PDB file of N, CA and C in Angstrom:
ATOM      1  N   MET A   1      -9.546 -30.446  10.759  1.00  0.00           N
ATOM      2  CA  MET A   1      -8.874 -29.222  11.168  1.00  0.00           C
ATOM      3  C   MET A   1      -9.371 -28.091  10.264  1.00  0.00           C
ATOM      4  N   GLN A   2      -9.699 -26.975  10.845  1.00  0.00           N
ATOM      5  CA  GLN A   2     -10.190 -25.817  10.118  1.00  0.00           C
ATOM      6  C   GLN A   2      -9.022 -24.980   9.590  1.00  0.00           C
ATOM      7  N   ILE A   3      -9.298 -24.182   8.578  1.00  0.00           N
ATOM      8  CA  ILE A   3      -8.274 -23.335   7.972  1.00  0.00           C
ATOM      9  C   ILE A   3      -7.626 -22.444   9.028  1.00  0.00           C
ATOM     10  N   LYS A   4      -8.433 -21.859   9.888  1.00  0.00           N
ATOM     11  CA  LYS A   4      -7.912 -20.963  10.926  1.00  0.00           C
ATOM     12  C   LYS A   4      -6.898 -21.698  11.804  1.00  0.00           C
ATOM     13  N   GLU A   5      -7.192 -22.947  12.168  1.00  0.00           N
ATOM     14  CA  GLU A   5      -6.281 -23.734  13.009  1.00  0.00           C
ATOM     15  C   GLU A   5      -4.990 -24.057  12.264  1.00  0.00           C
ATOM     16  N   ILE A   6      -5.116 -24.357  10.992  1.00  0.00           N
ATOM     17  CA  ILE A   6      -3.922 -24.663  10.185  1.00  0.00           C
ATOM     18  C   ILE A   6      -3.026 -23.434  10.107  1.00  0.00           C
ATOM     19  N   LEU A   7      -3.620 -22.277   9.828  1.00  0.00           N
ATOM     20  CA  LEU A   7      -2.842 -21.048   9.713  1.00  0.00           C
ATOM     21  C   LEU A   7      -2.184 -20.659  11.029  1.00  0.00           C
ATOM     22  N   GLN A   8      -2.856 -20.930  12.134  1.00  0.00           N
ATOM     23  CA  GLN A   8      -2.273 -20.631  13.444  1.00  0.00           C
ATOM     24  C   GLN A   8      -1.122 -21.580  13.767  1.00  0.00           C
ATOM     25  N   ALA A   9      -1.188 -22.816  13.275  1.00  0.00           N
ATOM     26  CA  ALA A   9      -0.154 -23.807  13.567  1.00  0.00           C
ATOM     27  C   ALA A   9       1.097 -23.617  12.712  1.00  0.00           C
ATOM     28  N   LEU A  10       0.965 -23.001  11.553  1.00  0.00           N
ATOM     29  CA  LEU A  10       2.105 -22.868  10.637  1.00  0.00           C
ATOM     30  C   LEU A  10       3.343 -22.210  11.251  1.00  0.00           C
ATOM     31  N   PRO A  11       3.219 -21.101  11.973  1.00  0.00           N
ATOM     32  CA  PRO A  11       4.428 -20.467  12.515  1.00  0.00           C
ATOM     33  C   PRO A  11       5.224 -21.356  13.475  1.00  0.00           C
ATOM     34  N   SER A  12       4.557 -22.302  14.115  1.00  0.00           N
ATOM     35  CA  SER A  12       5.265 -23.160  15.069  1.00  0.00           C
ATOM     36  C   SER A  12       5.961 -24.335  14.389  1.00  0.00           C
ATOM     37  N   LEU A  13       5.711 -24.540  13.116  1.00  0.00           N
ATOM     38  CA  LEU A  13       6.345 -25.643  12.388  1.00  0.00           C
ATOM     39  C   LEU A  13       7.707 -25.229  11.860  1.00  0.00           C
ATOM     40  N   SER A  14       8.535 -26.214  11.593  1.00  0.00           N
ATOM     41  CA  SER A  14       9.851 -25.934  11.009  1.00  0.00           C
ATOM     42  C   SER A  14       9.673 -25.496   9.556  1.00  0.00           C
ATOM     43  N   ILE A  15      10.682 -24.850   9.032  1.00  0.00           N
ATOM     44  CA  ILE A  15      10.638 -24.428   7.631  1.00  0.00           C
ATOM     45  C   ILE A  15      10.446 -25.638   6.725  1.00  0.00           C
ATOM     46  N   SER A  16      11.126 -26.713   7.048  1.00  0.00           N
ATOM     47  CA  SER A  16      11.002 -27.937   6.251  1.00  0.00           C
ATOM     48  C   SER A  16       9.558 -28.436   6.218  1.00  0.00           C
ATOM     49  N   ASP A  17       8.911 -28.446   7.379  1.00  0.00           N
ATOM     50  CA  ASP A  17       7.519 -28.899   7.436  1.00  0.00           C
ATOM     51  C   ASP A  17       6.587 -27.945   6.684  1.00  0.00           C
ATOM     52  N   ARG A  18       6.844 -26.635   6.802  1.00  0.00           N
ATOM     53  CA  ARG A  18       6.019 -25.664   6.071  1.00  0.00           C
ATOM     54  C   ARG A  18       6.180 -25.839   4.567  1.00  0.00           C
ATOM     55  N   LEU A  19       7.411 -26.112   4.124  1.00  0.00           N
ATOM     56  CA  LEU A  19       7.647 -26.335   2.697  1.00  0.00           C
ATOM     57  C   LEU A  19       6.950 -27.605   2.212  1.00  0.00           C
ATOM     58  N   LYS A  20       6.957 -28.658   3.045  1.00  0.00           N
ATOM     59  CA  LYS A  20       6.250 -29.887   2.683  1.00  0.00           C
ATOM     60  C   LYS A  20       4.757 -29.627   2.520  1.00  0.00           C
ATOM     61  N   ILE A  21       4.201 -28.848   3.434  1.00  0.00           N
ATOM     62  CA  ILE A  21       2.774 -28.519   3.372  1.00  0.00           C
ATOM     63  C   ILE A  21       2.486 -27.703   2.110  1.00  0.00           C
ATOM     64  N   ALA A  22       3.327 -26.718   1.831  1.00  0.00           N
ATOM     65  CA  ALA A  22       3.135 -25.881   0.648  1.00  0.00           C
ATOM     66  C   ALA A  22       3.239 -26.714  -0.623  1.00  0.00           C
ATOM     67  N   GLU A  23       4.208 -27.628  -0.663  1.00  0.00           N
ATOM     68  CA  GLU A  23       4.386 -28.482  -1.838  1.00  0.00           C
ATOM     69  C   GLU A  23       3.166 -29.369  -2.053  1.00  0.00           C
ATOM     70  N   LEU A  24       2.681 -29.980  -0.994  1.00  0.00           N
ATOM     71  CA  LEU A  24       1.513 -30.848  -1.105  1.00  0.00           C
ATOM     72  C   LEU A  24       0.280 -30.053  -1.526  1.00  0.00           C
ATOM     73  N   ALA A  25       0.106 -28.865  -0.943  1.00  0.00           N
ATOM     74  CA  ALA A  25      -1.032 -28.031  -1.305  1.00  0.00           C
ATOM     75  C   ALA A  25      -0.974 -27.656  -2.787  1.00  0.00           C
ATOM     76  N   LEU A  26       0.210 -27.300  -3.265  1.00  0.00           N
ATOM     77  CA  LEU A  26       0.371 -26.954  -4.679  1.00  0.00           C
ATOM     78  C   LEU A  26       0.083 -28.158  -5.567  1.00  0.00           C
ATOM     79  N   GLN A  27       0.562 -29.328  -5.181  1.00  0.00           N
ATOM     80  CA  GLN A  27       0.293 -30.544  -5.953  1.00  0.00           C
ATOM     81  C   GLN A  27      -1.205 -30.817  -6.040  1.00  0.00           C
ATOM     82  N   LEU A  28      -1.917 -30.634  -4.938  1.00  0.00           N
ATOM     83  CA  LEU A  28      -3.365 -30.843  -4.939  1.00  0.00           C
ATOM     84  C   LEU A  28      -4.072 -29.850  -5.850  1.00  0.00           C
ATOM     85  N   VAL A  29      -3.639 -28.606  -5.820  1.00  0.00           N
ATOM     86  CA  VAL A  29      -4.231 -27.589  -6.694  1.00  0.00           C
ATOM     87  C   VAL A  29      -3.980 -27.942  -8.159  1.00  0.00           C
ATOM     88  N   LEU A  30      -2.756 -28.349  -8.477  1.00  0.00           N
ATOM     89  CA  LEU A  30      -2.424 -28.706  -9.857  1.00  0.00           C
ATOM     90  C   LEU A  30      -3.200 -29.932 -10.325  1.00  0.00           C
ATOM     91  N   GLN A  31      -3.373 -30.905  -9.446  1.00  0.00           N
ATOM     92  CA  GLN A  31      -4.176 -32.082  -9.802  1.00  0.00           C
ATOM     93  C   GLN A  31      -5.608 -31.681 -10.098  1.00  0.00           C
ATOM     94  N   GLU A  32      -6.152 -30.829  -9.271  1.00  0.00           N
ATOM     95  CA  GLU A  32      -7.526 -30.373  -9.485  1.00  0.00           C
ATOM     96  C   GLU A  32      -7.634 -29.581 -10.783  1.00  0.00           C
ATOM     97  N   LYS A  33      -6.625 -28.758 -11.050  1.00  0.00           N
ATOM     98  CA  LYS A  33      -6.623 -27.958 -12.278  1.00  0.00           C
ATOM     99  C   LYS A  33      -6.606 -28.867 -13.499  1.00  0.00           C
ATOM    100  N   ARG A  34      -5.799 -29.916 -13.459  1.00  0.00           N
ATOM    101  CA  ARG A  34      -5.708 -30.845 -14.602  1.00  0.00           C
ATOM    102  C   ARG A  34      -7.012 -31.605 -14.829  1.00  0.00           C
ATOM    103  N   SER A  35      -7.810 -31.755 -13.773  1.00  0.00           N
ATOM    104  CA  SER A  35      -9.047 -32.528 -13.896  1.00  0.00           C
ATOM    105  C   SER A  35     -10.223 -31.684 -14.395  1.00  0.00           C
ATOM    106  N   LEU A  36     -10.031 -30.375 -14.533  1.00  0.00           N
ATOM    107  CA  LEU A  36     -11.116 -29.507 -14.984  1.00  0.00           C
ATOM    108  C   LEU A  36     -11.393 -29.694 -16.472  1.00  0.00           C
ATOM    109  N   THR A  37     -12.650 -29.581 -16.830  1.00  0.00           N
ATOM    110  CA  THR A  37     -13.011 -29.610 -18.249  1.00  0.00           C
ATOM    111  C   THR A  37     -12.613 -28.277 -18.876  1.00  0.00           C
ATOM    112  N   LYS A  38     -12.641 -28.215 -20.190  1.00  0.00           N
ATOM    113  CA  LYS A  38     -12.304 -26.969 -20.883  1.00  0.00           C
ATOM    114  C   LYS A  38     -13.258 -25.843 -20.473  1.00  0.00           C
ATOM    115  N   ASP A  39     -14.541 -26.166 -20.326  1.00  0.00           N
ATOM    116  CA  ASP A  39     -15.514 -25.151 -19.912  1.00  0.00           C
ATOM    117  C   ASP A  39     -15.228 -24.651 -18.493  1.00  0.00           C
ATOM    118  N   GLU A  40     -14.850 -25.561 -17.600  1.00  0.00           N
ATOM    119  CA  GLU A  40     -14.523 -25.173 -16.230  1.00  0.00           C
ATOM    120  C   GLU A  40     -13.268 -24.308 -16.202  1.00  0.00           C
ATOM    121  N   GLN A  41     -12.264 -24.663 -17.031  1.00  0.00           N
ATOM    122  CA  GLN A  41     -11.049 -23.860 -17.117  1.00  0.00           C
ATOM    123  C   GLN A  41     -11.371 -22.457 -17.626  1.00  0.00           C
ATOM    124  N   LYS A  42     -12.209 -22.391 -18.662  1.00  0.00           N
ATOM    125  CA  LYS A  42     -12.585 -21.099 -19.231  1.00  0.00           C
ATOM    126  C   LYS A  42     -13.317 -20.254 -18.186  1.00  0.00           C
ATOM    127  N   CYS A  43     -14.184 -20.881 -17.409  1.00  0.00           N
ATOM    128  CA  CYS A  43     -14.913 -20.175 -16.357  1.00  0.00           C
ATOM    129  C   CYS A  43     -13.956 -19.628 -15.302  1.00  0.00           C
ATOM    130  N   GLN A  44     -12.965 -20.427 -14.893  1.00  0.00           N
ATOM    131  CA  GLN A  44     -11.990 -19.975 -13.898  1.00  0.00           C
ATOM    132  C   GLN A  44     -11.161 -18.810 -14.428  1.00  0.00           C
ATOM    133  N   LEU A  45     -10.745 -18.908 -15.695  1.00  0.00           N
ATOM    134  CA  LEU A  45      -9.966 -17.818 -16.288  1.00  0.00           C
ATOM    135  C   LEU A  45     -10.795 -16.542 -16.387  1.00  0.00           C
ATOM    136  N   THR A  46     -12.054 -16.690 -16.716  1.00  0.00           N
ATOM    137  CA  THR A  46     -12.946 -15.530 -16.794  1.00  0.00           C
ATOM    138  C   THR A  46     -13.088 -14.870 -15.431  1.00  0.00           C
ATOM    139  N   LEU A  47     -13.290 -15.676 -14.400  1.00  0.00           N
ATOM    140  CA  LEU A  47     -13.407 -15.130 -13.045  1.00  0.00           C
ATOM    141  C   LEU A  47     -12.118 -14.449 -12.600  1.00  0.00           C
ATOM    142  N   ALA A  48     -10.978 -15.050 -12.930  1.00  0.00           N
ATOM    143  CA  ALA A  48      -9.690 -14.459 -12.570  1.00  0.00           C
ATOM    144  C   ALA A  48      -9.492 -13.129 -13.283  1.00  0.00           C
ATOM    145  N   ALA A  49      -9.872 -13.064 -14.563  1.00  0.00           N
ATOM    146  CA  ALA A  49      -9.732 -11.817 -15.315  1.00  0.00           C
ATOM    147  C   ALA A  49     -10.642 -10.741 -14.746  1.00  0.00           C
ATOM    148  N   MET A  50     -11.860 -11.124 -14.389  1.00  0.00           N
ATOM    149  CA  MET A  50     -12.794 -10.148 -13.820  1.00  0.00           C
ATOM    150  C   MET A  50     -12.286  -9.633 -12.475  1.00  0.00           C
ATOM    151  N   THR A  51     -11.676 -10.497 -11.707  1.00  0.00           N
ATOM    152  CA  THR A  51     -11.118 -10.099 -10.418  1.00  0.00           C
ATOM    153  C   THR A  51      -9.934  -9.159 -10.599  1.00  0.00           C
ATOM    154  N   ALA A  52      -9.140  -9.403 -11.635  1.00  0.00           N
ATOM    155  CA  ALA A  52      -7.929  -8.609 -11.862  1.00  0.00           C
ATOM    156  C   ALA A  52      -8.227  -7.223 -12.417  1.00  0.00           C
ATOM    157  N   ILE A  53      -9.409  -7.024 -12.974  1.00  0.00           N
ATOM    158  CA  ILE A  53      -9.739  -5.721 -13.558  1.00  0.00           C
ATOM    159  C   ILE A  53      -9.542  -4.608 -12.536  1.00  0.00           C
ATOM    160  N   ALA A  54      -9.977  -4.826 -11.323  1.00  0.00           N
ATOM    161  CA  ALA A  54      -9.845  -3.794 -10.282  1.00  0.00           C
ATOM    162  C   ALA A  54      -8.381  -3.460 -10.005  1.00  0.00           C
ATOM    163  N   ASP A  55      -7.486  -4.442 -10.171  1.00  0.00           N
ATOM    164  CA  ASP A  55      -6.065  -4.199  -9.913  1.00  0.00           C
ATOM    165  C   ASP A  55      -5.463  -3.206 -10.900  1.00  0.00           C
ATOM    166  N   TYR A  56      -6.050  -3.098 -12.082  1.00  0.00           N
ATOM    167  CA  TYR A  56      -5.503  -2.231 -13.129  1.00  0.00           C
ATOM    168  C   TYR A  56      -6.370  -1.007 -13.387  1.00  0.00           C
ATOM    169  N   ALA A  57      -7.369  -0.785 -12.564  1.00  0.00           N
ATOM    170  CA  ALA A  57      -8.253   0.369 -12.718  1.00  0.00           C
ATOM    171  C   ALA A  57      -7.497   1.646 -12.361  1.00  0.00           C
ATOM    172  N   PRO A  58      -7.900   2.772 -12.932  1.00  0.00           N
ATOM    173  CA  PRO A  58      -7.243   4.039 -12.579  1.00  0.00           C
ATOM    174  C   PRO A  58      -7.271   4.258 -11.066  1.00  0.00           C
ATOM    175  N   GLY A  59      -6.116   4.650 -10.535  1.00  0.00           N
ATOM    176  CA  GLY A  59      -5.995   4.897  -9.105  1.00  0.00           C
ATOM    177  C   GLY A  59      -5.569   3.690  -8.297  1.00  0.00           C
ATOM    178  N   SER A  60      -5.470   2.522  -8.931  1.00  0.00           N
ATOM    179  CA  SER A  60      -5.049   1.332  -8.195  1.00  0.00           C
ATOM    180  C   SER A  60      -3.532   1.327  -8.033  1.00  0.00           C
ATOM    181  N   GLU A  61      -3.033   0.421  -7.209  1.00  0.00           N
ATOM    182  CA  GLU A  61      -1.590   0.346  -6.972  1.00  0.00           C
ATOM    183  C   GLU A  61      -0.806   0.008  -8.234  1.00  0.00           C
ATOM    184  N   LEU A  62      -1.356  -0.873  -9.077  1.00  0.00           N
ATOM    185  CA  LEU A  62      -0.640  -1.264 -10.284  1.00  0.00           C
ATOM    186  C   LEU A  62      -0.706  -0.192 -11.357  1.00  0.00           C
ATOM    187  N   ASP A  63      -1.658   0.699 -11.241  1.00  0.00           N
ATOM    188  CA  ASP A  63      -1.823   1.766 -12.221  1.00  0.00           C
ATOM    189  C   ASP A  63      -0.659   2.752 -12.183  1.00  0.00           C
ATOM    190  N   ILE A  64       0.044   2.838 -11.059  1.00  0.00           N
ATOM    191  CA  ILE A  64       1.138   3.804 -10.959  1.00  0.00           C
ATOM    192  C   ILE A  64       2.245   3.520 -11.980  1.00  0.00           C
ATOM    193  N   PHE A  65       2.356   2.269 -12.423  1.00  0.00           N
ATOM    194  CA  PHE A  65       3.387   1.935 -13.399  1.00  0.00           C
ATOM    195  C   PHE A  65       3.087   2.538 -14.766  1.00  0.00           C
ATOM    196  N   SER A  66       1.840   2.860 -15.042  1.00  0.00           N
ATOM    197  CA  SER A  66       1.507   3.452 -16.334  1.00  0.00           C
ATOM    198  C   SER A  66       2.069   4.864 -16.447  1.00  0.00           C
ATOM    199  N   ASP A  67       2.429   5.477 -15.324  1.00  0.00           N
ATOM    200  CA  ASP A  67       3.046   6.800 -15.360  1.00  0.00           C
ATOM    201  C   ASP A  67       4.406   6.754 -16.051  1.00  0.00           C
ATOM    202  N   LEU A  68       5.005   5.592 -16.139  1.00  0.00           N
ATOM    203  CA  LEU A  68       6.326   5.444 -16.741  1.00  0.00           C
ATOM    204  C   LEU A  68       6.263   5.214 -18.248  1.00  0.00           C
ATOM    205  N   GLU A  69       5.067   5.058 -18.791  1.00  0.00           N
ATOM    206  CA  GLU A  69       4.934   4.786 -20.220  1.00  0.00           C
ATOM    207  C   GLU A  69       5.583   5.908 -21.027  1.00  0.00           C
ATOM    208  N   GLY A  70       6.354   5.509 -22.015  1.00  0.00           N
ATOM    209  CA  GLY A  70       7.007   6.473 -22.884  1.00  0.00           C
ATOM    210  C   GLY A  70       8.362   6.929 -22.388  1.00  0.00           C
ATOM    211  N   GLU A  71       8.699   6.602 -21.163  1.00  0.00           N
ATOM    212  CA  GLU A  71      10.004   6.989 -20.633  1.00  0.00           C
ATOM    213  C   GLU A  71      11.028   5.904 -20.953  1.00  0.00           C
ATOM    214  N   ASP A  72      12.277   6.336 -21.134  1.00  0.00           N
ATOM    215  CA  ASP A  72      13.348   5.362 -21.321  1.00  0.00           C
ATOM    216  C   ASP A  72      13.511   4.567 -20.039  1.00  0.00           C
ATOM    217  N   PHE A  73      13.806   3.294 -20.159  1.00  0.00           N
ATOM    218  CA  PHE A  73      13.939   2.472 -18.966  1.00  0.00           C
ATOM    219  C   PHE A  73      15.362   2.415 -18.449  1.00  0.00           C
ATOM    220  N   CYS A  74      16.286   3.004 -19.174  1.00  0.00           N
ATOM    221  CA  CYS A  74      17.664   3.055 -18.670  1.00  0.00           C
ATOM    222  C   CYS A  74      18.304   4.360 -19.122  1.00  0.00           C
ATOM    223  N   ASP A  75      19.325   4.769 -18.409  1.00  0.00           N
ATOM    224  CA  ASP A  75      20.003   6.028 -18.709  1.00  0.00           C
ATOM    225  C   ASP A  75      21.452   5.801 -19.125  1.00  0.00           C
ATOM    226  N   TYR A  76      21.731   4.668 -19.747  1.00  0.00           N
ATOM    227  CA  TYR A  76      23.094   4.387 -20.153  1.00  0.00           C
ATOM    228  C   TYR A  76      23.455   5.221 -21.371  1.00  0.00           C
ATOM    229  N   PRO A  77      24.663   5.745 -21.372  1.00  0.00           N
ATOM    230  CA  PRO A  77      25.113   6.460 -22.584  1.00  0.00           C
ATOM    231  C   PRO A  77      25.165   5.486 -23.760  1.00  0.00           C
ATOM    232  N   ASP A  78      25.049   6.014 -24.953  1.00  0.00           N
ATOM    233  CA  ASP A  78      25.042   5.175 -26.155  1.00  0.00           C
ATOM    234  C   ASP A  78      26.268   4.278 -26.264  1.00  0.00           C
ATOM    235  N   GLU A  79      27.415   4.774 -25.807  1.00  0.00           N
ATOM    236  CA  GLU A  79      28.624   3.952 -25.955  1.00  0.00           C
ATOM    237  C   GLU A  79      28.536   2.656 -25.159  1.00  0.00           C
ATOM    238  N   ASP A  80      27.760   2.624 -24.087  1.00  0.00           N
ATOM    239  CA  ASP A  80      27.602   1.387 -23.328  1.00  0.00           C
ATOM    240  C   ASP A  80      26.907   0.319 -24.163  1.00  0.00           C
ATOM    241  N   PHE A  81      25.972   0.725 -25.009  1.00  0.00           N
ATOM    242  CA  PHE A  81      25.275  -0.235 -25.850  1.00  0.00           C
ATOM    243  C   PHE A  81      26.202  -0.813 -26.913  1.00  0.00           C
ATOM    244  N   HIS A  82      27.178  -0.020 -27.347  1.00  0.00           N
ATOM    245  CA  HIS A  82      28.119  -0.513 -28.352  1.00  0.00           C
ATOM    246  C   HIS A  82      29.158  -1.444 -27.749  1.00  0.00           C
ATOM    247  N   ASN A  83      29.332  -1.388 -26.433  1.00  0.00           N
ATOM    248  CA  ASN A  83      30.344  -2.204 -25.765  1.00  0.00           C
ATOM    249  C   ASN A  83      29.730  -3.317 -24.934  1.00  0.00           C
ATOM    250  N   LEU A  84      28.522  -3.746 -25.295  1.00  0.00           N
ATOM    251  CA  LEU A  84      27.869  -4.787 -24.522  1.00  0.00           C
ATOM    252  C   LEU A  84      28.694  -6.069 -24.454  1.00  0.00           C
ATOM    253  N   GLY A  85      29.467  -6.330 -25.477  1.00  0.00           N
ATOM    254  CA  GLY A  85      30.306  -7.518 -25.487  1.00  0.00           C
ATOM    255  C   GLY A  85      31.274  -7.557 -24.328  1.00  0.00           C
ATOM    256  N   ASN A  86      31.652  -6.390 -23.825  1.00  0.00           N
ATOM    257  CA  ASN A  86      32.559  -6.323 -22.686  1.00  0.00           C
ATOM    258  C   ASN A  86      31.894  -6.794 -21.400  1.00  0.00           C
ATOM    259  N   TYR A  87      30.554  -6.731 -21.355  1.00  0.00           N
ATOM    260  CA  TYR A  87      29.836  -7.085 -20.144  1.00  0.00           C
ATOM    261  C   TYR A  87      29.291  -8.518 -20.181  1.00  0.00           C
ATOM    262  N   VAL A  88      29.106  -9.045 -21.356  1.00  0.00           N
ATOM    263  CA  VAL A  88      28.525 -10.363 -21.500  1.00  0.00           C
ATOM    264  C   VAL A  88      29.621 -11.396 -21.556  1.00  0.00           C
ATOM    265  N   GLN A  89      29.554 -12.392 -20.665  1.00  0.00           N
ATOM    266  CA  GLN A  89      30.551 -13.454 -20.688  1.00  0.00           C
ATOM    267  C   GLN A  89      30.086 -14.542 -21.653  1.00  0.00           C
ATOM    268  N   ARG A  90      30.973 -15.043 -22.411  1.00  0.00           N
ATOM    269  CA  ARG A  90      30.621 -16.094 -23.373  1.00  0.00           C
ATOM    270  C   ARG A  90      31.270 -17.376 -23.021  1.00  0.00           C
TER     271      ARG A  90
END
């Protein structure tokens, strides 16, 4: 069965069957990953890093988050930080 045929068949399967397929596919990937030599692992990580560079290049979708650098991530008044015990259940 070709990849295209598998992908076309997925929507007609039950959620349970799709989850079984996903679980088995993940197990196969993990088995293959465990069987790689250190050099092969290093090569895969290098390729993944090189691929990810474009994701963080200026103008990319992920680059928009850098616009938030230096900004506070919350606007809670200081008294909320002093009363954190009221919000945390122990």
